[in-house]
Amino acid sequence: MAKQVSAADVKKIVIACEAGMGSSLMVTNKLKKKVKAANLDIEVSHTPARAIPEDAQVVVVHKGLAKTALQNAPWAVIIPFDNFMNIPVFDKIVAAIQKNGVIKGIG
């Protein structure tokens, strides 16, 4: 069964990665720009998948680390992506929050 969270409950989105540097930082900055452009009051940060903070409601992670994220953050909605250069799920997350909808993940 897919895990989900109400958009109204989202205060923090984390980009989870393997080491917390490089491509994940670029991805985090992309999401920060989208959140800022949408005028949303949501924190966006990045962290290694093995150290996801407990105050994260949504975790966006490369599909290769999705299992690790699920194991280390069972409370969070985990959303995997395929390609670091193109992450269409960002627009879906922002739209769901703007419409006060539901954000669905895996697990």
Foldseek 3Di string as FASTA:
>chain_A
DWDKDFLVLAAEEEEAEAAQDDLSVVLQVVLVVVCVVLVHNHHYYYDHLQCDDQSGAEYEYAPVCQVSNCVRHVNHAYAHDHDSVDDCVSVVSSVSNVVRHMDIHGD
